[in-house]
């Protein structure tokens, strides 16, 4: 995993934890889940971001938390974290489903959207990644990592298009 993705994942983890804490306080006494599931799920996500062997990571704590919670904020955070673990394990379609469900449950544009943008970029879908980052920026974030990632994606897309153009021209010779 390259350092940009690792940095983005670490940023996602930190901001998700902050967002969860803020949103759960504003949501009132609706947390009806064993907090150990959150802690265990979060630990798996931290291990994933630190480059742990993907075969040693488990999505079980996140899945157990999802089964135990009916709270949208909790479910969104758990899906987001499980998606990160799945992404690191290479289960990209499952990760995308978790990120999309997390977006559906989220009350505002945030970490699940960043995760979807990262996943799209990782799969070479520059247009979707750019659209997601544009949405994130239009929501009013001033996160420099989002701006930096968007600039990198645009640069890589331009390089890919330039390479394709050169290949097409070379094919005509």
C-alpha atoms as a PDB file:
ATOM      1  CA  UNK A   1       0.000   0.000   0.000  1.00  0.00           C
ATOM      2  CA  UNK A   2       1.505   3.332  -0.966  1.00  0.00           C
ATOM      3  CA  UNK A   3       2.111   6.077   1.561  1.00  0.00           C
ATOM      4  CA  UNK A   4      -0.658   8.343   0.211  1.00  0.00           C
ATOM      5  CA  UNK A   5      -3.302   5.676   0.796  1.00  0.00           C
ATOM      6  CA  UNK A   6      -1.871   4.882   4.236  1.00  0.00           C
ATOM      7  CA  UNK A   7      -1.890   8.575   5.159  1.00  0.00           C
ATOM      8  CA  UNK A   8      -5.470   8.932   3.916  1.00  0.00           C
ATOM      9  CA  UNK A   9      -6.599   5.914   5.901  1.00  0.00           C
ATOM     10  CA  UNK A  10      -4.984   7.247   9.078  1.00  0.00           C
ATOM     11  CA  UNK A  11      -6.667  10.604   8.450  1.00  0.00           C
ATOM     12  CA  UNK A  12     -10.012   8.837   7.915  1.00  0.00           C
ATOM     13  CA  UNK A  13      -9.656   6.966  11.181  1.00  0.00           C
ATOM     14  CA  UNK A  14      -8.844  10.069  13.176  1.00  0.00           C
ATOM     15  CA  UNK A  15     -11.586  12.192  11.676  1.00  0.00           C
ATOM     16  CA  UNK A  16     -14.139   9.386  11.929  1.00  0.00           C
ATOM     17  CA  UNK A  17     -13.429   9.012  15.629  1.00  0.00           C
ATOM     18  CA  UNK A  18     -13.787  12.760  16.155  1.00  0.00           C
ATOM     19  CA  UNK A  19     -16.980  12.884  14.069  1.00  0.00           C
ATOM     20  CA  UNK A  20     -18.452   9.907  15.880  1.00  0.00           C
ATOM     21  CA  UNK A  21     -17.770  11.458  19.270  1.00  0.00           C
ATOM     22  CA  UNK A  22     -19.296  14.790  18.260  1.00  0.00           C
ATOM     23  CA  UNK A  23     -22.332  13.266  16.577  1.00  0.00           C
ATOM     24  CA  UNK A  24     -23.034  10.795  19.364  1.00  0.00           C
ATOM     25  CA  UNK A  25     -23.038  13.633  21.904  1.00  0.00           C
ATOM     26  CA  UNK A  26     -25.517  15.573  19.806  1.00  0.00           C
ATOM     27  CA  UNK A  27     -27.649  12.483  19.215  1.00  0.00           C
ATOM     28  CA  UNK A  28     -28.305  12.109  22.929  1.00  0.00           C
ATOM     29  CA  UNK A  29     -28.649   8.853  24.838  1.00  0.00           C
ATOM     30  CA  UNK A  30     -29.251   6.679  21.770  1.00  0.00           C
ATOM     31  CA  UNK A  31     -26.107   4.556  21.972  1.00  0.00           C
ATOM     32  CA  UNK A  32     -27.405   1.087  22.641  1.00  0.00           C
ATOM     33  CA  UNK A  33     -24.383  -1.020  21.843  1.00  0.00           C
ATOM     34  CA  UNK A  34     -21.590  -2.667  23.734  1.00  0.00           C
ATOM     35  CA  UNK A  35     -18.755  -0.110  23.521  1.00  0.00           C
ATOM     36  CA  UNK A  36     -16.262  -2.975  23.266  1.00  0.00           C
ATOM     37  CA  UNK A  37     -17.449  -3.571  19.700  1.00  0.00           C
ATOM     38  CA  UNK A  38     -16.485  -0.029  18.800  1.00  0.00           C
ATOM     39  CA  UNK A  39     -13.121  -0.296  20.521  1.00  0.00           C
ATOM     40  CA  UNK A  40     -12.350  -3.651  18.903  1.00  0.00           C
ATOM     41  CA  UNK A  41     -13.518  -2.485  15.480  1.00  0.00           C
ATOM     42  CA  UNK A  42     -11.477   0.698  15.818  1.00  0.00           C
ATOM     43  CA  UNK A  43      -8.376  -1.322  16.843  1.00  0.00           C
ATOM     44  CA  UNK A  44      -8.697  -3.439  13.700  1.00  0.00           C
ATOM     45  CA  UNK A  45      -8.892  -0.260  11.621  1.00  0.00           C
ATOM     46  CA  UNK A  46      -5.816   1.183  13.334  1.00  0.00           C
ATOM     47  CA  UNK A  47      -3.914  -2.064  12.724  1.00  0.00           C
ATOM     48  CA  UNK A  48      -4.951  -1.900   9.071  1.00  0.00           C
ATOM     49  CA  UNK A  49      -3.713   1.684   8.760  1.00  0.00           C
ATOM     50  CA  UNK A  50      -0.371   0.752  10.298  1.00  0.00           C
ATOM     51  CA  UNK A  51       0.263  -1.879   7.650  1.00  0.00           C
ATOM     52  CA  UNK A  52      -0.645  -5.031   9.569  1.00  0.00           C
ATOM     53  CA  UNK A  53      -0.700  -8.259   7.596  1.00  0.00           C
ATOM     54  CA  UNK A  54      -4.211  -8.238   6.078  1.00  0.00           C
ATOM     55  CA  UNK A  55      -4.688 -11.902   6.989  1.00  0.00           C
ATOM     56  CA  UNK A  56      -4.423 -10.978  10.681  1.00  0.00           C
ATOM     57  CA  UNK A  57      -7.225  -8.415  10.489  1.00  0.00           C
ATOM     58  CA  UNK A  58     -10.789  -9.238  11.415  1.00  0.00           C
ATOM     59  CA  UNK A  59     -14.065  -7.592  10.513  1.00  0.00           C
ATOM     60  CA  UNK A  60     -15.920  -9.584  13.197  1.00  0.00           C
ATOM     61  CA  UNK A  61     -16.019  -6.844  15.862  1.00  0.00           C
ATOM     62  CA  UNK A  62     -17.502  -4.405  13.347  1.00  0.00           C
ATOM     63  CA  UNK A  63     -20.034  -6.963  12.146  1.00  0.00           C
ATOM     64  CA  UNK A  64     -21.050  -7.816  15.719  1.00  0.00           C
ATOM     65  CA  UNK A  65     -21.473  -4.121  16.450  1.00  0.00           C
ATOM     66  CA  UNK A  66     -23.654  -3.704  13.363  1.00  0.00           C
ATOM     67  CA  UNK A  67     -25.896  -6.554  14.472  1.00  0.00           C
ATOM     68  CA  UNK A  68     -26.201  -5.092  17.970  1.00  0.00           C
ATOM     69  CA  UNK A  69     -26.924  -1.488  16.997  1.00  0.00           C
ATOM     70  CA  UNK A  70     -29.965   0.125  15.462  1.00  0.00           C
ATOM     71  CA  UNK A  71     -28.527   3.638  15.749  1.00  0.00           C
ATOM     72  CA  UNK A  72     -27.672   5.234  12.371  1.00  0.00           C
ATOM     73  CA  UNK A  73     -24.621   7.066  13.704  1.00  0.00           C
ATOM     74  CA  UNK A  74     -23.202   3.873  15.191  1.00  0.00           C
ATOM     75  CA  UNK A  75     -23.922   1.857  12.076  1.00  0.00           C
ATOM     76  CA  UNK A  76     -22.349   4.457   9.802  1.00  0.00           C
ATOM     77  CA  UNK A  77     -19.141   4.519  11.859  1.00  0.00           C
ATOM     78  CA  UNK A  78     -18.954   0.726  12.068  1.00  0.00           C
ATOM     79  CA  UNK A  79     -19.566   0.302   8.327  1.00  0.00           C
ATOM     80  CA  UNK A  80     -16.913   2.893   7.577  1.00  0.00           C
ATOM     81  CA  UNK A  81     -14.339   1.161   9.768  1.00  0.00           C
ATOM     82  CA  UNK A  82     -15.211  -2.303   8.466  1.00  0.00           C
ATOM     83  CA  UNK A  83     -14.890  -0.949   4.930  1.00  0.00           C
ATOM     84  CA  UNK A  84     -11.360   0.241   5.654  1.00  0.00           C
ATOM     85  CA  UNK A  85     -10.374  -3.212   6.926  1.00  0.00           C
ATOM     86  CA  UNK A  86     -11.995  -4.851   3.886  1.00  0.00           C
ATOM     87  CA  UNK A  87     -10.194  -2.442   1.554  1.00  0.00           C
ATOM     88  CA  UNK A  88      -6.823  -3.253   3.109  1.00  0.00           C
ATOM     89  CA  UNK A  89      -7.638  -6.955   2.826  1.00  0.00           C
ATOM     90  CA  UNK A  90      -8.300  -6.462  -0.886  1.00  0.00           C
ATOM     91  CA  UNK A  91     -12.064  -7.077  -0.710  1.00  0.00           C
ATOM     92  CA  UNK A  92     -12.783  -3.938  -2.694  1.00  0.00           C
ATOM     93  CA  UNK A  93     -16.362  -4.704  -3.765  1.00  0.00           C
ATOM     94  CA  UNK A  94     -17.368  -5.482  -0.174  1.00  0.00           C
ATOM     95  CA  UNK A  95     -15.556  -2.352   1.024  1.00  0.00           C
ATOM     96  CA  UNK A  96     -17.431  -0.244  -1.523  1.00  0.00           C
ATOM     97  CA  UNK A  97     -20.762  -1.658  -0.338  1.00  0.00           C
ATOM     98  CA  UNK A  98     -19.904  -0.798   3.285  1.00  0.00           C
ATOM     99  CA  UNK A  99     -18.795   2.720   2.344  1.00  0.00           C
ATOM    100  CA  UNK A 100     -21.954   3.260   0.283  1.00  0.00           C
ATOM    101  CA  UNK A 101     -24.159   2.063   3.147  1.00  0.00           C
ATOM    102  CA  UNK A 102     -22.206   4.309   5.511  1.00  0.00           C
ATOM    103  CA  UNK A 103     -22.834   7.269   3.181  1.00  0.00           C
ATOM    104  CA  UNK A 104     -26.553   6.442   3.129  1.00  0.00           C
ATOM    105  CA  UNK A 105     -26.641   6.446   6.938  1.00  0.00           C
ATOM    106  CA  UNK A 106     -24.416   9.495   7.441  1.00  0.00           C
ATOM    107  CA  UNK A 107     -26.129  12.742   8.350  1.00  0.00           C
ATOM    108  CA  UNK A 108     -23.702  14.850   6.326  1.00  0.00           C
ATOM    109  CA  UNK A 109     -20.853  14.655   3.840  1.00  0.00           C
ATOM    110  CA  UNK A 110     -17.776  13.317   5.576  1.00  0.00           C
ATOM    111  CA  UNK A 111     -15.510  10.362   6.128  1.00  0.00           C
ATOM    112  CA  UNK A 112     -17.494   7.710   4.220  1.00  0.00           C
ATOM    113  CA  UNK A 113     -17.385   9.974   1.168  1.00  0.00           C
ATOM    114  CA  UNK A 114     -13.608  10.302   1.487  1.00  0.00           C
ATOM    115  CA  UNK A 115     -13.317   6.520   1.754  1.00  0.00           C
ATOM    116  CA  UNK A 116     -15.395   6.086  -1.432  1.00  0.00           C
ATOM    117  CA  UNK A 117     -13.191   8.614  -3.231  1.00  0.00           C
ATOM    118  CA  UNK A 118     -10.050   6.768  -2.094  1.00  0.00           C
ATOM    119  CA  UNK A 119     -11.452   3.436  -3.193  1.00  0.00           C
ATOM    120  CA  UNK A 120     -12.451   4.799  -6.618  1.00  0.00           C
ATOM    121  CA  UNK A 121      -8.961   6.241  -7.038  1.00  0.00           C
ATOM    122  CA  UNK A 122      -7.344   2.976  -5.972  1.00  0.00           C
ATOM    123  CA  UNK A 123      -9.372   1.192  -8.663  1.00  0.00           C
ATOM    124  CA  UNK A 124      -8.359   3.737 -11.327  1.00  0.00           C
ATOM    125  CA  UNK A 125     -11.801   5.370 -11.534  1.00  0.00           C
ATOM    126  CA  UNK A 126     -10.501   8.918 -11.547  1.00  0.00           C
ATOM    127  CA  UNK A 127     -13.793  10.518 -12.589  1.00  0.00           C
ATOM    128  CA  UNK A 128     -15.715   9.063  -9.633  1.00  0.00           C
ATOM    129  CA  UNK A 129     -12.886   9.958  -7.245  1.00  0.00           C
ATOM    130  CA  UNK A 130     -12.827  13.537  -8.524  1.00  0.00           C
ATOM    131  CA  UNK A 131     -16.617  13.825  -8.289  1.00  0.00           C
ATOM    132  CA  UNK A 132     -16.567  12.562  -4.677  1.00  0.00           C
ATOM    133  CA  UNK A 133     -13.768  14.943  -3.664  1.00  0.00           C
ATOM    134  CA  UNK A 134     -15.585  17.839  -5.388  1.00  0.00           C
ATOM    135  CA  UNK A 135     -18.706  16.957  -3.371  1.00  0.00           C
ATOM    136  CA  UNK A 136     -16.649  16.875  -0.173  1.00  0.00           C
ATOM    137  CA  UNK A 137     -15.099  20.266  -0.940  1.00  0.00           C
ATOM    138  CA  UNK A 138     -18.478  21.764  -1.857  1.00  0.00           C
ATOM    139  CA  UNK A 139     -19.752  20.755   1.592  1.00  0.00           C
ATOM    140  CA  UNK A 140     -17.444  23.382   3.066  1.00  0.00           C
ATOM    141  CA  UNK A 141     -14.542  21.302   4.325  1.00  0.00           C
ATOM    142  CA  UNK A 142     -11.198  23.016   4.541  1.00  0.00           C
ATOM    143  CA  UNK A 143      -9.310  19.754   5.042  1.00  0.00           C
ATOM    144  CA  UNK A 144      -5.932  20.183   3.298  1.00  0.00           C
ATOM    145  CA  UNK A 145      -5.647  16.404   2.767  1.00  0.00           C
ATOM    146  CA  UNK A 146      -8.828  16.447   0.675  1.00  0.00           C
ATOM    147  CA  UNK A 147      -7.481  19.286  -1.451  1.00  0.00           C
ATOM    148  CA  UNK A 148      -4.093  17.566  -1.812  1.00  0.00           C
ATOM    149  CA  UNK A 149      -5.683  14.237  -2.751  1.00  0.00           C
ATOM    150  CA  UNK A 150      -7.886  15.894  -5.364  1.00  0.00           C
ATOM    151  CA  UNK A 151      -4.847  17.612  -6.905  1.00  0.00           C
ATOM    152  CA  UNK A 152      -2.950  14.291  -7.013  1.00  0.00           C
ATOM    153  CA  UNK A 153      -5.860  12.493  -8.658  1.00  0.00           C
ATOM    154  CA  UNK A 154      -6.209  15.193 -11.299  1.00  0.00           C
ATOM    155  CA  UNK A 155      -2.475  15.041 -11.969  1.00  0.00           C
ATOM    156  CA  UNK A 156      -2.519  11.235 -12.260  1.00  0.00           C
ATOM    157  CA  UNK A 157      -5.564  11.360 -14.551  1.00  0.00           C
ATOM    158  CA  UNK A 158      -3.756  13.831 -16.810  1.00  0.00           C
ATOM    159  CA  UNK A 159      -0.704  11.552 -16.898  1.00  0.00           C
ATOM    160  CA  UNK A 160      -2.875   8.538 -17.710  1.00  0.00           C
ATOM    161  CA  UNK A 161      -4.636  10.441 -20.491  1.00  0.00           C
ATOM    162  CA  UNK A 162      -1.308  11.693 -21.827  1.00  0.00           C
ATOM    163  CA  UNK A 163       0.068   8.143 -21.805  1.00  0.00           C
ATOM    164  CA  UNK A 164      -3.017   6.893 -23.642  1.00  0.00           C
ATOM    165  CA  UNK A 165      -2.674   9.649 -26.242  1.00  0.00           C
ATOM    166  CA  UNK A 166       0.989   8.779 -26.799  1.00  0.00           C
ATOM    167  CA  UNK A 167       0.093   5.117 -27.186  1.00  0.00           C
ATOM    168  CA  UNK A 168      -2.630   5.942 -29.702  1.00  0.00           C
ATOM    169  CA  UNK A 169      -0.258   8.156 -31.705  1.00  0.00           C
ATOM    170  CA  UNK A 170       2.489   5.537 -31.532  1.00  0.00           C
ATOM    171  CA  UNK A 171       0.003   2.938 -32.808  1.00  0.00           C
ATOM    172  CA  UNK A 172      -0.580   5.010 -35.956  1.00  0.00           C
ATOM    173  CA  UNK A 173       3.074   4.946 -37.015  1.00  0.00           C
END
